[in-house]
Amino acid sequence: LSLLPDKDLVDLCPLIESYQVTKSQLKSGIGIIWRDVYPNFDFPTFQAACGINSETNLALKKALLAMNQTECEKTFFQSYAKYFGMADNHIPILIPQAWIQWHSSSKKVLQASGSSLAKELYRVDFVAFWNNHRYAILIDDISHYAIKHGNQWIADEKTYSKRLEEDRTLQVEGWKIFRVSNWEVRQNKVGEIVTDLQKFIGF
């Protein structure tokens, strides 16, 4: 499970190894987590593993924020962090852009070979670990349930079905799924959404 850009992964491996059952380390900076062992993973634990303290953690906060790929993801992340005081309190840390699958072949190679593994969702917008459960939080734009014709987006059942298949696969693998739409974020519903997420995770 890769949580940070490659240059930062080496620093994270001691944290993974100290809390999880690590079957192997395939190369420097990448640890593979096996079995259902998920601690209460909060920001203070994370910053301690990075060797910094609350007085010098500004760079870490900025790095986590910068990892968000869209404005809606950034808005969601900031709202959650501010609403619950993520940097200071014992609550789940949201880890942006987390890789949740690893294969020795690239997705392109898997697709060319017709492997069913090519359909797997490799990365999700956020992950959280709490009370021995793992959570995948996804912020969906319109392309997750529609296709574009000219300047218009048209609802598409096949596209939407792919999202349902992703959810089923992740749930079978032990992930608890929480989906949000960009539209909800743009409609200033983030306060309600993060409260729902709190209830969903149970903290």
Protein backbone atom coordinates (compact mmCIF):
# COMPACT_ATOMS: atom_id res chain seq x y z
CA LEU A 1 0.00 0.00 0.00
CA SER A 2 1.65 3.19 -1.18
CA LEU A 3 0.57 6.25 0.78
CA LEU A 4 2.97 8.94 -0.37
CA PRO A 5 4.97 9.87 -3.47
CA ASP A 6 7.95 7.58 -4.11
CA LYS A 7 10.49 9.91 -2.53
CA ASP A 8 8.61 9.79 0.78
CA LEU A 9 7.80 6.09 0.88
CA VAL A 10 11.02 4.98 2.52
CA ASP A 11 10.20 7.08 5.57
CA LEU A 12 6.77 5.47 5.84
CA CYS A 13 7.88 1.83 5.73
CA PRO A 14 8.95 1.67 9.41
CA LEU A 15 5.43 2.80 10.31
CA ILE A 16 3.82 0.10 8.17
CA GLU A 17 6.14 -2.55 9.53
CA SER A 18 5.56 -1.57 13.15
CA TYR A 19 1.77 -1.80 12.93
CA GLN A 20 1.05 -4.34 10.22
CA VAL A 21 2.01 -7.82 9.21
CA THR A 22 4.42 -7.14 6.37
CA LYS A 23 4.97 -10.21 4.23
CA SER A 24 7.71 -8.79 2.04
CA GLN A 25 9.37 -5.64 0.89
CA LEU A 26 9.63 -5.85 -2.86
CA LYS A 27 11.93 -2.90 -3.24
CA SER A 28 13.01 0.14 -1.28
CA GLY A 29 10.03 2.19 -0.22
CA ILE A 30 7.25 -0.33 -0.89
CA GLY A 31 5.72 -2.54 1.79
CA ILE A 32 2.92 -5.01 1.14
CA ILE A 33 0.31 -5.28 3.89
CA TRP A 34 -1.35 -8.66 4.41
CA ARG A 35 -4.19 -9.85 6.65
CA ASP A 36 -6.85 -7.86 8.48
CA VAL A 37 -4.77 -5.89 10.96
CA TYR A 38 -5.65 -2.20 10.88
CA PRO A 39 -4.79 0.05 13.83
CA ASN A 40 -6.39 3.35 14.74
CA PHE A 41 -4.24 5.38 12.37
CA ASP A 42 -4.34 9.10 13.19
CA PHE A 43 -2.31 12.16 12.19
CA PRO A 44 -0.20 12.32 15.40
CA THR A 45 0.85 8.70 14.83
CA PHE A 46 1.66 9.48 11.22
CA GLN A 47 3.76 12.55 12.00
CA ALA A 48 5.64 10.70 14.74
CA ALA A 49 6.51 7.97 12.25
CA CYS A 50 7.85 10.67 9.92
CA GLY A 51 10.11 11.90 12.72
CA ILE A 52 8.51 15.31 13.16
CA ASN A 53 6.46 17.00 15.85
CA SER A 54 3.45 19.31 15.95
CA GLU A 55 5.68 22.40 15.85
CA THR A 56 7.36 21.37 12.61
CA ASN A 57 4.61 19.51 10.74
CA LEU A 58 3.56 22.28 8.33
CA ALA A 59 5.42 20.68 5.42
CA LEU A 60 3.65 17.37 6.07
CA LYS A 61 0.25 19.08 6.13
CA LYS A 62 1.04 20.86 2.85
CA ALA A 63 2.24 17.62 1.26
CA LEU A 64 -0.98 15.80 2.16
CA LEU A 65 -3.08 18.66 0.80
CA ALA A 66 -1.04 18.82 -2.41
CA MET A 67 -1.65 15.11 -3.05
CA ASN A 68 -5.32 15.81 -3.75
CA GLN A 69 -5.85 15.82 -7.51
CA THR A 70 -9.05 17.86 -7.88
CA GLU A 71 -10.52 20.92 -6.24
CA CYS A 72 -13.44 18.87 -4.90
CA GLU A 73 -11.05 16.39 -3.30
CA LYS A 74 -9.09 19.26 -1.79
CA THR A 75 -12.26 20.91 -0.46
CA PHE A 76 -13.41 17.62 1.07
CA PHE A 77 -10.00 16.95 2.65
CA GLN A 78 -9.70 20.48 4.10
CA SER A 79 -13.24 20.41 5.44
CA TYR A 80 -12.70 17.08 7.17
CA ALA A 81 -9.34 18.18 8.60
CA LYS A 82 -10.71 21.47 9.96
CA TYR A 83 -14.08 20.14 11.17
CA PHE A 84 -12.54 17.40 13.29
CA GLY A 85 -9.14 18.94 14.03
CA MET A 86 -7.42 16.07 12.25
CA ALA A 87 -3.88 17.29 12.95
CA ASP A 88 -4.37 17.33 16.72
CA ASN A 89 -7.04 14.82 17.67
CA HIS A 90 -7.30 11.05 17.87
CA ILE A 91 -9.43 10.59 14.74
CA PRO A 92 -8.78 8.76 11.45
CA ILE A 93 -6.31 10.49 9.16
CA LEU A 94 -7.49 10.68 5.55
CA ILE A 95 -4.63 9.59 3.30
CA PRO A 96 -5.05 10.98 -0.24
CA GLN A 97 -4.35 9.13 -3.48
CA ALA A 98 -3.58 5.74 -1.93
CA TRP A 99 -2.59 2.80 -4.12
CA ILE A 100 -4.51 -0.24 -2.89
CA GLN A 101 -3.41 -2.84 -5.45
CA TRP A 102 -0.02 -3.95 -6.64
CA HIS A 103 0.84 -6.27 -9.53
CA SER A 104 4.20 -7.18 -11.02
CA SER A 105 2.82 -6.24 -14.46
CA SER A 106 1.54 -2.80 -15.39
CA LYS A 107 -2.15 -2.21 -16.00
CA LYS A 108 -1.39 -1.77 -19.71
CA VAL A 109 0.26 -5.21 -19.86
CA LEU A 110 -2.59 -6.78 -17.90
CA GLN A 111 -5.13 -5.26 -20.29
CA ALA A 112 -3.21 -6.49 -23.35
CA SER A 113 -3.11 -10.02 -21.93
CA GLY A 114 -6.82 -9.98 -21.15
CA SER A 115 -6.19 -10.51 -17.45
CA SER A 116 -9.15 -9.95 -15.12
CA LEU A 117 -6.73 -8.10 -12.83
CA ALA A 118 -6.76 -5.19 -15.28
CA LYS A 119 -10.28 -4.32 -14.07
CA GLU A 120 -9.14 -3.81 -10.50
CA LEU A 121 -9.20 -0.34 -9.00
CA TYR A 122 -5.57 0.49 -8.31
CA ARG A 123 -5.90 3.80 -6.50
CA VAL A 124 -8.62 5.52 -4.47
CA ASP A 125 -9.06 9.15 -3.48
CA PHE A 126 -8.67 8.53 0.27
CA VAL A 127 -8.13 5.67 2.67
CA ALA A 128 -8.57 5.52 6.44
CA PHE A 129 -7.84 2.80 8.99
CA TRP A 130 -9.87 2.60 12.19
CA ASN A 131 -10.94 -0.06 14.70
CA ASN A 132 -9.48 -2.89 12.60
CA HIS A 133 -11.38 -1.82 9.50
CA ARG A 134 -10.16 -0.19 6.30
CA TYR A 135 -12.13 2.48 4.48
CA ALA A 136 -12.01 3.70 0.88
CA ILE A 137 -13.47 7.17 0.31
CA LEU A 138 -14.12 8.13 -3.30
CA ILE A 139 -15.05 11.55 -4.70
CA ASP A 140 -16.73 10.91 -8.06
CA ASP A 141 -16.96 13.34 -10.96
CA ILE A 142 -19.59 13.03 -13.67
CA SER A 143 -17.43 10.69 -15.76
CA HIS A 144 -18.07 7.97 -13.17
CA TYR A 145 -21.69 7.61 -14.28
CA ALA A 146 -22.01 9.40 -17.63
CA ILE A 147 -20.33 9.71 -21.02
CA LYS A 148 -19.73 12.89 -22.97
CA HIS A 149 -21.42 13.56 -26.31
CA GLY A 150 -20.20 16.85 -27.72
CA ASN A 151 -20.70 19.38 -24.94
CA GLN A 152 -23.22 17.31 -23.03
CA TRP A 153 -22.89 14.54 -20.47
CA ILE A 154 -25.38 11.71 -20.86
CA ALA A 155 -26.12 9.22 -18.08
CA ASP A 156 -24.70 5.84 -19.09
CA GLU A 157 -25.71 2.57 -17.47
CA LYS A 158 -22.54 0.74 -18.55
CA THR A 159 -20.31 3.42 -17.01
CA TYR A 160 -22.33 3.41 -13.80
CA SER A 161 -22.17 -0.40 -13.68
CA LYS A 162 -18.37 -0.20 -13.62
CA ARG A 163 -18.59 1.78 -10.38
CA LEU A 164 -20.92 -0.81 -8.88
CA GLU A 165 -18.52 -3.57 -9.89
CA GLU A 166 -15.64 -1.66 -8.26
CA ASP A 167 -17.62 -1.35 -5.04
CA ARG A 168 -18.51 -5.04 -4.99
CA THR A 169 -14.89 -6.04 -5.60
CA LEU A 170 -13.57 -3.76 -2.86
CA GLN A 171 -16.21 -4.94 -0.41
CA VAL A 172 -15.33 -8.58 -1.09
CA GLU A 173 -11.69 -7.65 -0.40
CA GLY A 174 -12.69 -6.19 2.97
CA TRP A 175 -12.92 -2.48 2.18
CA LYS A 176 -15.79 -0.36 3.49
CA ILE A 177 -16.84 2.06 0.74
CA PHE A 178 -17.95 5.69 1.12
CA ARG A 179 -18.75 7.50 -2.15
CA VAL A 180 -19.35 11.21 -2.62
CA SER A 181 -20.12 13.13 -5.82
CA ASN A 182 -18.45 16.32 -6.99
CA TRP A 183 -21.94 17.80 -7.27
CA GLU A 184 -22.52 17.36 -3.54
CA VAL A 185 -19.22 19.08 -2.76
CA ARG A 186 -20.03 21.98 -5.08
CA GLN A 187 -23.47 22.33 -3.44
CA ASN A 188 -21.76 23.09 -0.11
CA LYS A 189 -22.90 19.81 1.43
CA VAL A 190 -19.44 18.93 2.73
CA GLY A 191 -20.37 19.61 6.35
CA GLU A 192 -23.16 17.04 6.16
CA ILE A 193 -20.95 14.59 4.29
CA VAL A 194 -18.06 14.61 6.77
CA THR A 195 -20.57 14.14 9.61
CA ASP A 196 -21.98 11.13 7.76
CA LEU A 197 -18.42 9.84 7.32
CA GLN A 198 -17.82 10.19 11.07
CA LYS A 199 -20.91 8.08 11.77
CA PHE A 200 -19.93 5.58 9.07
CA ILE A 201 -16.43 5.03 10.51
CA GLY A 202 -17.59 5.39 14.10
CA PHE A 203 -15.24 7.80 15.82
